[in-house]
Amino acid sequence: MSGNERYGTRIPNEREQRVIQLVAQGLKNSEVAEQIGTTEHVVKNYLRVIYDKLGLWNRVELALWYESRRMQPSMMMQ
């Protein structure tokens, strides 16, 4: 199984992609909330949905998922 086969196949929407980008940059939930103009509770909900969509368990896996696709823009949507 390749690294890409490990992840879920559902595609994050634009807002979720922004949350992914900010988390991958190392921002805390409260900082992500400030950046996107919402509450920390909403960010936590976004993360739960993102983890479910991508078949991930935590923000470390999310950051690794993001980095593996960052250099390949067409892969971000896959």
N, C-alpha and C. Protein backbone atom coordinates (compact mmCIF):
# COMPACT_ATOMS: atom_id res chain seq x y z
N MET A 1 0.84 -1.17 0.00
CA MET A 1 0.00 0.00 0.00
C MET A 1 0.89 1.23 0.00
N SER A 2 0.63 2.15 -0.93
CA SER A 2 1.41 3.38 -0.97
C SER A 2 0.91 4.33 0.10
N GLY A 3 1.67 5.39 0.37
CA GLY A 3 1.30 6.37 1.38
C GLY A 3 -0.03 7.02 1.10
N ASN A 4 -0.35 7.28 -0.17
CA ASN A 4 -1.59 7.95 -0.51
C ASN A 4 -2.80 7.04 -0.35
N GLU A 5 -2.64 5.72 -0.45
CA GLU A 5 -3.75 4.80 -0.32
C GLU A 5 -4.23 4.70 1.13
N ARG A 6 -3.40 5.12 2.05
CA ARG A 6 -3.70 5.03 3.46
C ARG A 6 -4.80 6.00 3.86
N TYR A 7 -4.91 7.11 3.18
CA TYR A 7 -5.83 8.17 3.56
C TYR A 7 -7.21 7.97 2.97
N GLY A 8 -8.21 8.63 3.60
CA GLY A 8 -9.57 8.61 3.09
C GLY A 8 -9.64 9.29 1.73
N THR A 9 -10.75 9.13 1.07
CA THR A 9 -10.87 9.65 -0.29
C THR A 9 -11.78 10.86 -0.40
N ARG A 10 -12.40 11.29 0.68
CA ARG A 10 -13.29 12.44 0.61
C ARG A 10 -12.47 13.72 0.53
N ILE A 11 -12.98 14.72 -0.17
CA ILE A 11 -12.22 15.93 -0.45
C ILE A 11 -12.63 17.05 0.52
N PRO A 12 -11.64 17.67 1.19
CA PRO A 12 -11.95 18.81 2.06
C PRO A 12 -12.46 20.01 1.23
N ASN A 13 -13.44 20.74 1.78
CA ASN A 13 -13.90 21.94 1.09
C ASN A 13 -12.90 23.09 1.31
N GLU A 14 -13.19 24.24 0.73
CA GLU A 14 -12.23 25.36 0.80
C GLU A 14 -11.93 25.78 2.23
N ARG A 15 -12.96 25.90 3.05
CA ARG A 15 -12.77 26.32 4.44
C ARG A 15 -11.94 25.28 5.19
N GLU A 16 -12.23 24.02 4.99
CA GLU A 16 -11.46 22.95 5.63
C GLU A 16 -10.01 22.97 5.16
N GLN A 17 -9.80 23.26 3.88
CA GLN A 17 -8.43 23.34 3.37
C GLN A 17 -7.66 24.47 4.05
N ARG A 18 -8.34 25.58 4.32
CA ARG A 18 -7.69 26.70 5.03
C ARG A 18 -7.32 26.27 6.45
N VAL A 19 -8.22 25.57 7.12
CA VAL A 19 -7.94 25.07 8.47
C VAL A 19 -6.74 24.12 8.43
N ILE A 20 -6.71 23.23 7.45
CA ILE A 20 -5.60 22.29 7.30
C ILE A 20 -4.29 23.06 7.14
N GLN A 21 -4.29 24.05 6.28
CA GLN A 21 -3.09 24.84 6.03
C GLN A 21 -2.59 25.51 7.31
N LEU A 22 -3.49 26.11 8.07
CA LEU A 22 -3.10 26.80 9.30
C LEU A 22 -2.60 25.83 10.37
N VAL A 23 -3.27 24.68 10.50
CA VAL A 23 -2.82 23.66 11.46
C VAL A 23 -1.44 23.15 11.07
N ALA A 24 -1.24 22.92 9.78
CA ALA A 24 0.05 22.43 9.30
C ALA A 24 1.17 23.44 9.55
N GLN A 25 0.82 24.72 9.65
CA GLN A 25 1.80 25.76 9.95
C GLN A 25 2.11 25.81 11.44
N GLY A 26 1.39 25.02 12.23
CA GLY A 26 1.67 24.93 13.66
C GLY A 26 0.80 25.80 14.54
N LEU A 27 -0.25 26.41 13.98
CA LEU A 27 -1.13 27.25 14.78
C LEU A 27 -1.99 26.42 15.72
N LYS A 28 -2.26 26.99 16.89
CA LYS A 28 -3.16 26.37 17.86
C LYS A 28 -4.59 26.61 17.40
N ASN A 29 -5.53 25.84 17.96
CA ASN A 29 -6.93 25.99 17.57
C ASN A 29 -7.41 27.43 17.75
N SER A 30 -7.04 28.07 18.85
CA SER A 30 -7.46 29.44 19.09
C SER A 30 -6.89 30.39 18.04
N GLU A 31 -5.67 30.14 17.60
CA GLU A 31 -5.05 30.98 16.57
C GLU A 31 -5.70 30.74 15.21
N VAL A 32 -6.04 29.50 14.92
CA VAL A 32 -6.75 29.18 13.68
C VAL A 32 -8.10 29.91 13.69
N ALA A 33 -8.80 29.85 14.81
CA ALA A 33 -10.11 30.51 14.93
C ALA A 33 -9.99 32.00 14.65
N GLU A 34 -8.98 32.61 15.20
CA GLU A 34 -8.77 34.05 14.97
C GLU A 34 -8.51 34.34 13.49
N GLN A 35 -7.71 33.50 12.86
CA GLN A 35 -7.36 33.70 11.45
C GLN A 35 -8.57 33.58 10.53
N ILE A 36 -9.47 32.66 10.83
CA ILE A 36 -10.61 32.45 9.93
C ILE A 36 -11.89 33.12 10.43
N GLY A 37 -11.80 33.81 11.56
CA GLY A 37 -12.93 34.58 12.04
C GLY A 37 -14.06 33.76 12.63
N THR A 38 -13.69 32.80 13.48
CA THR A 38 -14.71 31.97 14.13
C THR A 38 -14.26 31.65 15.55
N THR A 39 -14.90 30.69 16.17
CA THR A 39 -14.55 30.31 17.55
C THR A 39 -13.68 29.05 17.56
N GLU A 40 -13.02 28.86 18.68
CA GLU A 40 -12.20 27.65 18.84
C GLU A 40 -13.05 26.39 18.77
N HIS A 41 -14.27 26.47 19.29
CA HIS A 41 -15.19 25.32 19.24
C HIS A 41 -15.48 24.92 17.80
N VAL A 42 -15.70 25.90 16.93
CA VAL A 42 -15.98 25.62 15.52
C VAL A 42 -14.75 24.99 14.86
N VAL A 43 -13.57 25.46 15.21
CA VAL A 43 -12.33 24.89 14.66
C VAL A 43 -12.22 23.43 15.06
N LYS A 44 -12.52 23.11 16.31
CA LYS A 44 -12.48 21.72 16.77
C LYS A 44 -13.45 20.86 15.96
N ASN A 45 -14.62 21.41 15.67
CA ASN A 45 -15.58 20.68 14.84
C ASN A 45 -15.04 20.47 13.43
N TYR A 46 -14.45 21.52 12.86
CA TYR A 46 -13.83 21.37 11.54
C TYR A 46 -12.80 20.25 11.56
N LEU A 47 -11.97 20.23 12.58
CA LEU A 47 -10.92 19.21 12.66
C LEU A 47 -11.50 17.81 12.74
N ARG A 48 -12.57 17.64 13.50
CA ARG A 48 -13.21 16.32 13.57
C ARG A 48 -13.69 15.87 12.20
N VAL A 49 -14.31 16.78 11.47
CA VAL A 49 -14.81 16.47 10.13
C VAL A 49 -13.65 16.16 9.18
N ILE A 50 -12.60 16.98 9.26
CA ILE A 50 -11.42 16.78 8.41
C ILE A 50 -10.77 15.43 8.70
N TYR A 51 -10.57 15.11 9.97
CA TYR A 51 -9.97 13.81 10.32
C TYR A 51 -10.81 12.67 9.77
N ASP A 52 -12.13 12.80 9.88
CA ASP A 52 -13.02 11.76 9.37
C ASP A 52 -12.91 11.64 7.85
N LYS A 53 -12.95 12.77 7.16
CA LYS A 53 -12.87 12.76 5.69
C LYS A 53 -11.58 12.14 5.20
N LEU A 54 -10.49 12.44 5.88
CA LEU A 54 -9.18 12.01 5.40
C LEU A 54 -8.68 10.72 6.05
N GLY A 55 -9.42 10.19 6.99
CA GLY A 55 -9.00 8.96 7.66
C GLY A 55 -7.80 9.17 8.57
N LEU A 56 -7.77 10.31 9.23
CA LEU A 56 -6.64 10.66 10.10
C LEU A 56 -7.08 10.64 11.56
N TRP A 57 -6.09 10.65 12.47
CA TRP A 57 -6.39 10.60 13.90
C TRP A 57 -6.03 11.87 14.65
N ASN A 58 -5.07 12.64 14.14
CA ASN A 58 -4.61 13.81 14.91
C ASN A 58 -3.96 14.86 14.01
N ARG A 59 -3.57 15.99 14.61
CA ARG A 59 -3.02 17.10 13.83
C ARG A 59 -1.63 16.80 13.29
N VAL A 60 -0.90 15.90 13.91
CA VAL A 60 0.40 15.51 13.35
C VAL A 60 0.20 14.78 12.02
N GLU A 61 -0.72 13.83 12.02
CA GLU A 61 -1.03 13.14 10.76
C GLU A 61 -1.57 14.12 9.72
N LEU A 62 -2.36 15.09 10.17
CA LEU A 62 -2.90 16.09 9.26
C LEU A 62 -1.79 16.92 8.64
N ALA A 63 -0.84 17.34 9.45
CA ALA A 63 0.29 18.12 8.93
C ALA A 63 1.11 17.31 7.94
N LEU A 64 1.31 16.04 8.22
CA LEU A 64 2.05 15.17 7.30
C LEU A 64 1.28 14.99 6.00
N TRP A 65 -0.04 14.82 6.10
CA TRP A 65 -0.89 14.70 4.91
C TRP A 65 -0.75 15.97 4.06
N TYR A 66 -0.83 17.12 4.71
CA TYR A 66 -0.73 18.40 4.00
C TYR A 66 0.63 18.55 3.32
N GLU A 67 1.69 18.27 4.03
CA GLU A 67 3.04 18.41 3.48
C GLU A 67 3.27 17.47 2.30
N SER A 68 2.67 16.29 2.36
CA SER A 68 2.85 15.33 1.27
C SER A 68 2.17 15.80 -0.01
N ARG A 69 1.23 16.73 0.12
CA ARG A 69 0.49 17.24 -1.03
C ARG A 69 0.84 18.67 -1.40
N ARG A 70 1.50 19.36 -0.52
CA ARG A 70 1.80 20.78 -0.71
C ARG A 70 2.60 21.06 -1.97
N MET A 71 3.51 20.22 -2.30
CA MET A 71 4.37 20.42 -3.47
C MET A 71 3.68 19.99 -4.75
N GLN A 72 2.52 19.36 -4.64
CA GLN A 72 1.76 18.90 -5.79
C GLN A 72 0.36 19.48 -5.72
N PRO A 73 0.12 20.71 -6.21
CA PRO A 73 -1.17 21.37 -6.06
C PRO A 73 -2.35 20.52 -6.52
N SER A 74 -2.20 19.73 -7.54
CA SER A 74 -3.32 18.91 -8.00
C SER A 74 -3.67 17.82 -6.99
N MET A 75 -2.74 17.46 -6.13
CA MET A 75 -2.98 16.42 -5.14
C MET A 75 -3.79 16.94 -3.96
N MET A 76 -3.81 18.25 -3.70
CA MET A 76 -4.52 18.79 -2.55
C MET A 76 -6.00 18.43 -2.62
N MET A 77 -6.53 18.35 -3.80
CA MET A 77 -7.94 18.04 -3.96
C MET A 77 -8.21 16.55 -4.08
N GLN A 78 -7.20 15.73 -3.95
CA GLN A 78 -7.40 14.29 -4.08
C GLN A 78 -7.30 13.61 -2.73
